[in-house]
Amino acid sequence: MAVKPHDREPPLQRLIALYGVRGVARLLDIKGPSVANWKRIPAERVLELEAATGINRKKLRPDLYGAPRARPTRNSLAA
């Protein structure tokens, strides 16, 4: 059974709005029902989708490729 559109994460919703489920499947050379069952873009597909669409990986999966956390500096540790 396909995932309902409102159950998908926003980056996947936007990708499907642009290309459609079948279009995304064609980009990845997979079957449409596989894409229809996604709730989010699988981590193993992000780089392939980035190459195929030009959409930055940070926009496709910000939870994986978002801005790195600030690392503590010596000054902040001394406080």
PDB file of N, CA and C in Angstrom:
ATOM      1  N   MET A   1       0.839  -1.186   0.000  1.00  0.00           N
ATOM      2  CA  MET A   1       0.000   0.000   0.000  1.00  0.00           C
ATOM      3  C   MET A   1       0.884   1.249   0.000  1.00  0.00           C
ATOM      4  N   ALA A   2       0.582   2.178  -0.858  1.00  0.00           N
ATOM      5  CA  ALA A   2       1.377   3.398  -0.975  1.00  0.00           C
ATOM      6  C   ALA A   2       1.194   4.295   0.251  1.00  0.00           C
ATOM      7  N   VAL A   3       2.252   5.034   0.548  1.00  0.00           N
ATOM      8  CA  VAL A   3       2.222   5.991   1.658  1.00  0.00           C
ATOM      9  C   VAL A   3       1.372   7.185   1.243  1.00  0.00           C
ATOM     10  N   LYS A   4       0.574   7.690   2.157  1.00  0.00           N
ATOM     11  CA  LYS A   4      -0.241   8.869   1.863  1.00  0.00           C
ATOM     12  C   LYS A   4       0.673  10.092   1.754  1.00  0.00           C
ATOM     13  N   PRO A   5       0.373  10.997   0.822  1.00  0.00           N
ATOM     14  CA  PRO A   5       1.246  12.162   0.630  1.00  0.00           C
ATOM     15  C   PRO A   5       1.534  12.964   1.888  1.00  0.00           C
ATOM     16  N   HIS A   6       0.538  13.118   2.770  1.00  0.00           N
ATOM     17  CA  HIS A   6       0.762  13.912   3.985  1.00  0.00           C
ATOM     18  C   HIS A   6       1.651  13.186   5.000  1.00  0.00           C
ATOM     19  N   ASP A   7       1.909  11.895   4.781  1.00  0.00           N
ATOM     20  CA  ASP A   7       2.805  11.146   5.662  1.00  0.00           C
ATOM     21  C   ASP A   7       4.262  11.232   5.221  1.00  0.00           C
ATOM     22  N   ARG A   8       4.502  11.829   4.066  1.00  0.00           N
ATOM     23  CA  ARG A   8       5.871  11.941   3.556  1.00  0.00           C
ATOM     24  C   ARG A   8       6.549  13.185   4.123  1.00  0.00           C
ATOM     25  N   GLU A   9       7.865  13.099   4.279  1.00  0.00           N
ATOM     26  CA  GLU A   9       8.629  14.267   4.720  1.00  0.00           C
ATOM     27  C   GLU A   9       8.635  15.313   3.606  1.00  0.00           C
ATOM     28  N   PRO A  10       8.682  16.615   3.962  1.00  0.00           N
ATOM     29  CA  PRO A  10       8.599  17.691   2.963  1.00  0.00           C
ATOM     30  C   PRO A  10       9.587  17.578   1.790  1.00  0.00           C
ATOM     31  N   PRO A  11      10.864  17.223   2.000  1.00  0.00           N
ATOM     32  CA  PRO A  11      11.735  17.132   0.815  1.00  0.00           C
ATOM     33  C   PRO A  11      11.243  16.100  -0.200  1.00  0.00           C
ATOM     34  N   LEU A  12      10.724  14.991   0.259  1.00  0.00           N
ATOM     35  CA  LEU A  12      10.197  13.974  -0.655  1.00  0.00           C
ATOM     36  C   LEU A  12       8.918  14.474  -1.309  1.00  0.00           C
ATOM     37  N   GLN A  13       8.077  15.173  -0.570  1.00  0.00           N
ATOM     38  CA  GLN A  13       6.858  15.741  -1.153  1.00  0.00           C
ATOM     39  C   GLN A  13       7.204  16.676  -2.311  1.00  0.00           C
ATOM     40  N   ARG A  14       8.212  17.533  -2.103  1.00  0.00           N
ATOM     41  CA  ARG A  14       8.610  18.480  -3.161  1.00  0.00           C
ATOM     42  C   ARG A  14       9.193  17.753  -4.367  1.00  0.00           C
ATOM     43  N   LEU A  15      10.008  16.740  -4.119  1.00  0.00           N
ATOM     44  CA  LEU A  15      10.615  15.983  -5.207  1.00  0.00           C
ATOM     45  C   LEU A  15       9.532  15.306  -6.054  1.00  0.00           C
ATOM     46  N   ILE A  16       8.551  14.723  -5.406  1.00  0.00           N
ATOM     47  CA  ILE A  16       7.461  14.066  -6.129  1.00  0.00           C
ATOM     48  C   ILE A  16       6.584  15.098  -6.839  1.00  0.00           C
ATOM     49  N   ALA A  17       6.419  16.276  -6.250  1.00  0.00           N
ATOM     50  CA  ALA A  17       5.657  17.335  -6.922  1.00  0.00           C
ATOM     51  C   ALA A  17       6.354  17.754  -8.226  1.00  0.00           C
ATOM     52  N   LEU A  18       7.679  17.774  -8.209  1.00  0.00           N
ATOM     53  CA  LEU A  18       8.438  18.167  -9.409  1.00  0.00           C
ATOM     54  C   LEU A  18       8.476  17.080 -10.478  1.00  0.00           C
ATOM     55  N   TYR A  19       8.718  15.854 -10.072  1.00  0.00           N
ATOM     56  CA  TYR A  19       8.982  14.771 -11.023  1.00  0.00           C
ATOM     57  C   TYR A  19       7.894  13.714 -11.084  1.00  0.00           C
ATOM     58  N   GLY A  20       7.053  13.627 -10.086  1.00  0.00           N
ATOM     59  CA  GLY A  20       6.079  12.548  -9.996  1.00  0.00           C
ATOM     60  C   GLY A  20       6.753  11.285  -9.487  1.00  0.00           C
ATOM     61  N   VAL A  21       5.965  10.365  -8.973  1.00  0.00           N
ATOM     62  CA  VAL A  21       6.506   9.109  -8.446  1.00  0.00           C
ATOM     63  C   VAL A  21       7.222   8.347  -9.556  1.00  0.00           C
ATOM     64  N   ARG A  22       6.591   8.243 -10.720  1.00  0.00           N
ATOM     65  CA  ARG A  22       7.210   7.507 -11.829  1.00  0.00           C
ATOM     66  C   ARG A  22       8.472   8.194 -12.323  1.00  0.00           C
ATOM     67  N   GLY A  23       8.483   9.524 -12.315  1.00  0.00           N
ATOM     68  CA  GLY A  23       9.667  10.254 -12.751  1.00  0.00           C
ATOM     69  C   GLY A  23      10.852  10.029 -11.820  1.00  0.00           C
ATOM     70  N   VAL A  24      10.595  10.059 -10.514  1.00  0.00           N
ATOM     71  CA  VAL A  24      11.661   9.788  -9.543  1.00  0.00           C
ATOM     72  C   VAL A  24      12.165   8.366  -9.726  1.00  0.00           C
ATOM     73  N   ALA A  25      11.242   7.434  -9.916  1.00  0.00           N
ATOM     74  CA  ALA A  25      11.631   6.031 -10.133  1.00  0.00           C
ATOM     75  C   ALA A  25      12.497   5.898 -11.378  1.00  0.00           C
ATOM     76  N   ARG A  26      12.128   6.582 -12.444  1.00  0.00           N
ATOM     77  CA  ARG A  26      12.931   6.524 -13.678  1.00  0.00           C
ATOM     78  C   ARG A  26      14.338   7.082 -13.469  1.00  0.00           C
ATOM     79  N   LEU A  27      14.439   8.171 -12.708  1.00  0.00           N
ATOM     80  CA  LEU A  27      15.754   8.748 -12.430  1.00  0.00           C
ATOM     81  C   LEU A  27      16.678   7.745 -11.755  1.00  0.00           C
ATOM     82  N   LEU A  28      16.096   6.895 -10.931  1.00  0.00           N
ATOM     83  CA  LEU A  28      16.870   5.933 -10.145  1.00  0.00           C
ATOM     84  C   LEU A  28      16.894   4.539 -10.762  1.00  0.00           C
ATOM     85  N   ASP A  29      16.182   4.376 -11.865  1.00  0.00           N
ATOM     86  CA  ASP A  29      16.070   3.075 -12.531  1.00  0.00           C
ATOM     87  C   ASP A  29      15.512   2.016 -11.579  1.00  0.00           C
ATOM     88  N   ILE A  30      14.429   2.398 -10.885  1.00  0.00           N
ATOM     89  CA  ILE A  30      13.732   1.464  -9.998  1.00  0.00           C
ATOM     90  C   ILE A  30      12.246   1.514 -10.336  1.00  0.00           C
ATOM     91  N   LYS A  31      11.467   0.684  -9.715  1.00  0.00           N
ATOM     92  CA  LYS A  31      10.027   0.618  -9.960  1.00  0.00           C
ATOM     93  C   LYS A  31       9.283   1.700  -9.164  1.00  0.00           C
ATOM     94  N   GLY A  32       8.220   2.224  -9.754  1.00  0.00           N
ATOM     95  CA  GLY A  32       7.415   3.255  -9.118  1.00  0.00           C
ATOM     96  C   GLY A  32       6.889   2.898  -7.742  1.00  0.00           C
ATOM     97  N   PRO A  33       6.394   1.661  -7.538  1.00  0.00           N
ATOM     98  CA  PRO A  33       5.884   1.328  -6.209  1.00  0.00           C
ATOM     99  C   PRO A  33       6.936   1.445  -5.100  1.00  0.00           C
ATOM    100  N   SER A  34       8.190   1.269  -5.456  1.00  0.00           N
ATOM    101  CA  SER A  34       9.240   1.446  -4.445  1.00  0.00           C
ATOM    102  C   SER A  34       9.246   2.880  -3.948  1.00  0.00           C
ATOM    103  N   VAL A  35       9.187   3.833  -4.858  1.00  0.00           N
ATOM    104  CA  VAL A  35       9.169   5.249  -4.491  1.00  0.00           C
ATOM    105  C   VAL A  35       7.868   5.594  -3.771  1.00  0.00           C
ATOM    106  N   ALA A  36       6.764   5.026  -4.228  1.00  0.00           N
ATOM    107  CA  ALA A  36       5.461   5.318  -3.624  1.00  0.00           C
ATOM    108  C   ALA A  36       5.412   4.896  -2.159  1.00  0.00           C
ATOM    109  N   ASN A  37       6.240   3.952  -1.768  1.00  0.00           N
ATOM    110  CA  ASN A  37       6.239   3.468  -0.388  1.00  0.00           C
ATOM    111  C   ASN A  37       7.201   4.219   0.530  1.00  0.00           C
ATOM    112  N   TRP A  38       7.957   5.160   0.001  1.00  0.00           N
ATOM    113  CA  TRP A  38       8.891   5.914   0.830  1.00  0.00           C
ATOM    114  C   TRP A  38       8.148   6.913   1.700  1.00  0.00           C
ATOM    115  N   LYS A  39       8.608   7.074   2.940  1.00  0.00           N
ATOM    116  CA  LYS A  39       8.160   8.177   3.792  1.00  0.00           C
ATOM    117  C   LYS A  39       9.184   9.302   3.751  1.00  0.00           C
ATOM    118  N   ARG A  40      10.426   8.930   3.487  1.00  0.00           N
ATOM    119  CA  ARG A  40      11.501   9.903   3.301  1.00  0.00           C
ATOM    120  C   ARG A  40      12.451   9.316   2.263  1.00  0.00           C
ATOM    121  N   ILE A  41      13.314  10.133   1.730  1.00  0.00           N
ATOM    122  CA  ILE A  41      14.274   9.663   0.738  1.00  0.00           C
ATOM    123  C   ILE A  41      15.283   8.770   1.455  1.00  0.00           C
ATOM    124  N   PRO A  42      15.436   7.537   1.001  1.00  0.00           N
ATOM    125  CA  PRO A  42      16.400   6.646   1.651  1.00  0.00           C
ATOM    126  C   PRO A  42      17.823   7.197   1.547  1.00  0.00           C
ATOM    127  N   ALA A  43      18.571   7.039   2.613  1.00  0.00           N
ATOM    128  CA  ALA A  43      19.941   7.558   2.663  1.00  0.00           C
ATOM    129  C   ALA A  43      20.770   7.060   1.492  1.00  0.00           C
ATOM    130  N   GLU A  44      20.567   5.806   1.093  1.00  0.00           N
ATOM    131  CA  GLU A  44      21.380   5.244   0.013  1.00  0.00           C
ATOM    132  C   GLU A  44      20.996   5.790  -1.365  1.00  0.00           C
ATOM    133  N   ARG A  45      19.921   6.580  -1.462  1.00  0.00           N
ATOM    134  CA  ARG A  45      19.492   7.162  -2.740  1.00  0.00           C
ATOM    135  C   ARG A  45      19.792   8.654  -2.860  1.00  0.00           C
ATOM    136  N   VAL A  46      20.219   9.283  -1.778  1.00  0.00           N
ATOM    137  CA  VAL A  46      20.386  10.739  -1.761  1.00  0.00           C
ATOM    138  C   VAL A  46      21.414  11.203  -2.788  1.00  0.00           C
ATOM    139  N   LEU A  47      22.592  10.616  -2.804  1.00  0.00           N
ATOM    140  CA  LEU A  47      23.638  11.077  -3.712  1.00  0.00           C
ATOM    141  C   LEU A  47      23.264  10.840  -5.166  1.00  0.00           C
ATOM    142  N   GLU A  48      22.591   9.744  -5.432  1.00  0.00           N
ATOM    143  CA  GLU A  48      22.136   9.448  -6.788  1.00  0.00           C
ATOM    144  C   GLU A  48      21.088  10.466  -7.242  1.00  0.00           C
ATOM    145  N   LEU A  49      20.175  10.826  -6.344  1.00  0.00           N
ATOM    146  CA  LEU A  49      19.177  11.841  -6.672  1.00  0.00           C
ATOM    147  C   LEU A  49      19.803  13.217  -6.837  1.00  0.00           C
ATOM    148  N   GLU A  50      20.782  13.524  -6.023  1.00  0.00           N
ATOM    149  CA  GLU A  50      21.479  14.800  -6.159  1.00  0.00           C
ATOM    150  C   GLU A  50      22.118  14.898  -7.541  1.00  0.00           C
ATOM    151  N   ALA A  51      22.783  13.836  -7.974  1.00  0.00           N
ATOM    152  CA  ALA A  51      23.442  13.826  -9.291  1.00  0.00           C
ATOM    153  C   ALA A  51      22.413  13.922 -10.423  1.00  0.00           C
ATOM    154  N   ALA A  52      21.275  13.260 -10.272  1.00  0.00           N
ATOM    155  CA  ALA A  52      20.274  13.218 -11.335  1.00  0.00           C
ATOM    156  C   ALA A  52      19.457  14.506 -11.434  1.00  0.00           C
ATOM    157  N   THR A  53      19.235  15.175 -10.301  1.00  0.00           N
ATOM    158  CA  THR A  53      18.339  16.335 -10.287  1.00  0.00           C
ATOM    159  C   THR A  53      19.054  17.667 -10.118  1.00  0.00           C
ATOM    160  N   GLY A  54      20.258  17.636  -9.555  1.00  0.00           N
ATOM    161  CA  GLY A  54      20.944  18.883  -9.234  1.00  0.00           C
ATOM    162  C   GLY A  54      20.476  19.490  -7.923  1.00  0.00           C
ATOM    163  N   ILE A  55      19.579  18.812  -7.222  1.00  0.00           N
ATOM    164  CA  ILE A  55      19.095  19.297  -5.921  1.00  0.00           C
ATOM    165  C   ILE A  55      20.115  18.889  -4.862  1.00  0.00           C
ATOM    166  N   ASN A  56      20.580  19.853  -4.117  1.00  0.00           N
ATOM    167  CA  ASN A  56      21.618  19.616  -3.115  1.00  0.00           C
ATOM    168  C   ASN A  56      21.181  18.598  -2.078  1.00  0.00           C
ATOM    169  N   ARG A  57      22.113  17.740  -1.696  1.00  0.00           N
ATOM    170  CA  ARG A  57      21.827  16.696  -0.696  1.00  0.00           C
ATOM    171  C   ARG A  57      21.330  17.270   0.623  1.00  0.00           C
ATOM    172  N   LYS A  58      21.753  18.490   0.962  1.00  0.00           N
ATOM    173  CA  LYS A  58      21.299  19.117   2.205  1.00  0.00           C
ATOM    174  C   LYS A  58      19.810  19.414   2.166  1.00  0.00           C
ATOM    175  N   LYS A  59      19.280  19.645   0.963  1.00  0.00           N
ATOM    176  CA  LYS A  59      17.841  19.871   0.830  1.00  0.00           C
ATOM    177  C   LYS A  59      17.075  18.561   0.768  1.00  0.00           C
ATOM    178  N   LEU A  60      17.699  17.532   0.214  1.00  0.00           N
ATOM    179  CA  LEU A  60      17.033  16.242   0.115  1.00  0.00           C
ATOM    180  C   LEU A  60      16.930  15.546   1.469  1.00  0.00           C
ATOM    181  N   ARG A  61      17.991  15.590   2.255  1.00  0.00           N
ATOM    182  CA  ARG A  61      18.003  14.952   3.582  1.00  0.00           C
ATOM    183  C   ARG A  61      18.764  15.845   4.560  1.00  0.00           C
ATOM    184  N   PRO A  62      18.153  16.934   5.008  1.00  0.00           N
ATOM    185  CA  PRO A  62      18.843  17.831   5.937  1.00  0.00           C
ATOM    186  C   PRO A  62      19.225  17.159   7.252  1.00  0.00           C
ATOM    187  N   ASP A  63      18.523  16.099   7.625  1.00  0.00           N
ATOM    188  CA  ASP A  63      18.867  15.391   8.857  1.00  0.00           C
ATOM    189  C   ASP A  63      20.204  14.673   8.733  1.00  0.00           C
ATOM    190  N   LEU A  64      20.601  14.321   7.520  1.00  0.00           N
ATOM    191  CA  LEU A  64      21.879  13.646   7.295  1.00  0.00           C
ATOM    192  C   LEU A  64      22.985  14.595   6.868  1.00  0.00           C
ATOM    193  N   TYR A  65      22.644  15.577   6.037  1.00  0.00           N
ATOM    194  CA  TYR A  65      23.663  16.427   5.427  1.00  0.00           C
ATOM    195  C   TYR A  65      23.535  17.893   5.804  1.00  0.00           C
ATOM    196  N   GLY A  66      22.762  18.196   6.835  1.00  0.00           N
ATOM    197  CA  GLY A  66      22.582  19.581   7.260  1.00  0.00           C
ATOM    198  C   GLY A  66      23.880  20.185   7.757  1.00  0.00           C
ATOM    199  N   ALA A  67      23.796  21.427   8.162  1.00  0.00           N
ATOM    200  CA  ALA A  67      24.979  22.137   8.643  1.00  0.00           C
ATOM    201  C   ALA A  67      25.588  21.394   9.827  1.00  0.00           C
ATOM    202  N   PRO A  68      26.893  21.261   9.839  1.00  0.00           N
ATOM    203  CA  PRO A  68      27.532  20.575  10.968  1.00  0.00           C
ATOM    204  C   PRO A  68      27.341  21.372  12.255  1.00  0.00           C
ATOM    205  N   ARG A  69      27.309  20.646  13.336  1.00  0.00           N
ATOM    206  CA  ARG A  69      27.194  21.313  14.637  1.00  0.00           C
ATOM    207  C   ARG A  69      28.479  22.059  14.932  1.00  0.00           C
ATOM    208  N   ALA A  70      28.322  23.164  15.643  1.00  0.00           N
ATOM    209  CA  ALA A  70      29.490  23.944  16.027  1.00  0.00           C
ATOM    210  C   ALA A  70      30.327  23.127  17.015  1.00  0.00           C
ATOM    211  N   ARG A  71      31.612  23.070  16.739  1.00  0.00           N
ATOM    212  CA  ARG A  71      32.513  22.347  17.652  1.00  0.00           C
ATOM    213  C   ARG A  71      33.001  23.313  18.713  1.00  0.00           C
ATOM    214  N   PRO A  72      33.139  22.843  19.928  1.00  0.00           N
ATOM    215  CA  PRO A  72      33.595  23.740  20.985  1.00  0.00           C
ATOM    216  C   PRO A  72      35.032  24.206  20.726  1.00  0.00           C
ATOM    217  N   THR A  73      35.301  25.421  21.097  1.00  0.00           N
ATOM    218  CA  THR A  73      36.651  25.959  20.982  1.00  0.00           C
ATOM    219  C   THR A  73      37.281  25.956  22.365  1.00  0.00           C
ATOM    220  N   ARG A  74      38.555  26.215  22.395  1.00  0.00           N
ATOM    221  CA  ARG A  74      39.250  26.253  23.702  1.00  0.00           C
ATOM    222  C   ARG A  74      38.651  27.320  24.596  1.00  0.00           C
ATOM    223  N   ASN A  75      38.326  28.470  24.014  1.00  0.00           N
ATOM    224  CA  ASN A  75      37.762  29.563  24.813  1.00  0.00           C
ATOM    225  C   ASN A  75      36.413  29.184  25.408  1.00  0.00           C
ATOM    226  N   SER A  76      35.586  28.475  24.648  1.00  0.00           N
ATOM    227  CA  SER A  76      34.270  28.121  25.183  1.00  0.00           C
ATOM    228  C   SER A  76      34.375  27.043  26.245  1.00  0.00           C
ATOM    229  N   LEU A  77      35.412  26.211  26.188  1.00  0.00           N
ATOM    230  CA  LEU A  77      35.595  25.184  27.195  1.00  0.00           C
ATOM    231  C   LEU A  77      36.129  25.754  28.519  1.00  0.00           C
ATOM    232  N   ALA A  78      36.854  26.861  28.416  1.00  0.00           N
ATOM    233  CA  ALA A  78      37.443  27.481  29.607  1.00  0.00           C
ATOM    234  C   ALA A  78      36.407  28.244  30.435  1.00  0.00           C
ATOM    235  N   ALA A  79      35.297  28.582  29.849  1.00  0.00           N
ATOM    236  CA  ALA A  79      34.285  29.388  30.530  1.00  0.00           C
ATOM    237  C   ALA A  79      33.602  28.651  31.650  1.00  0.00           C
TER     238      ALA A  79
END
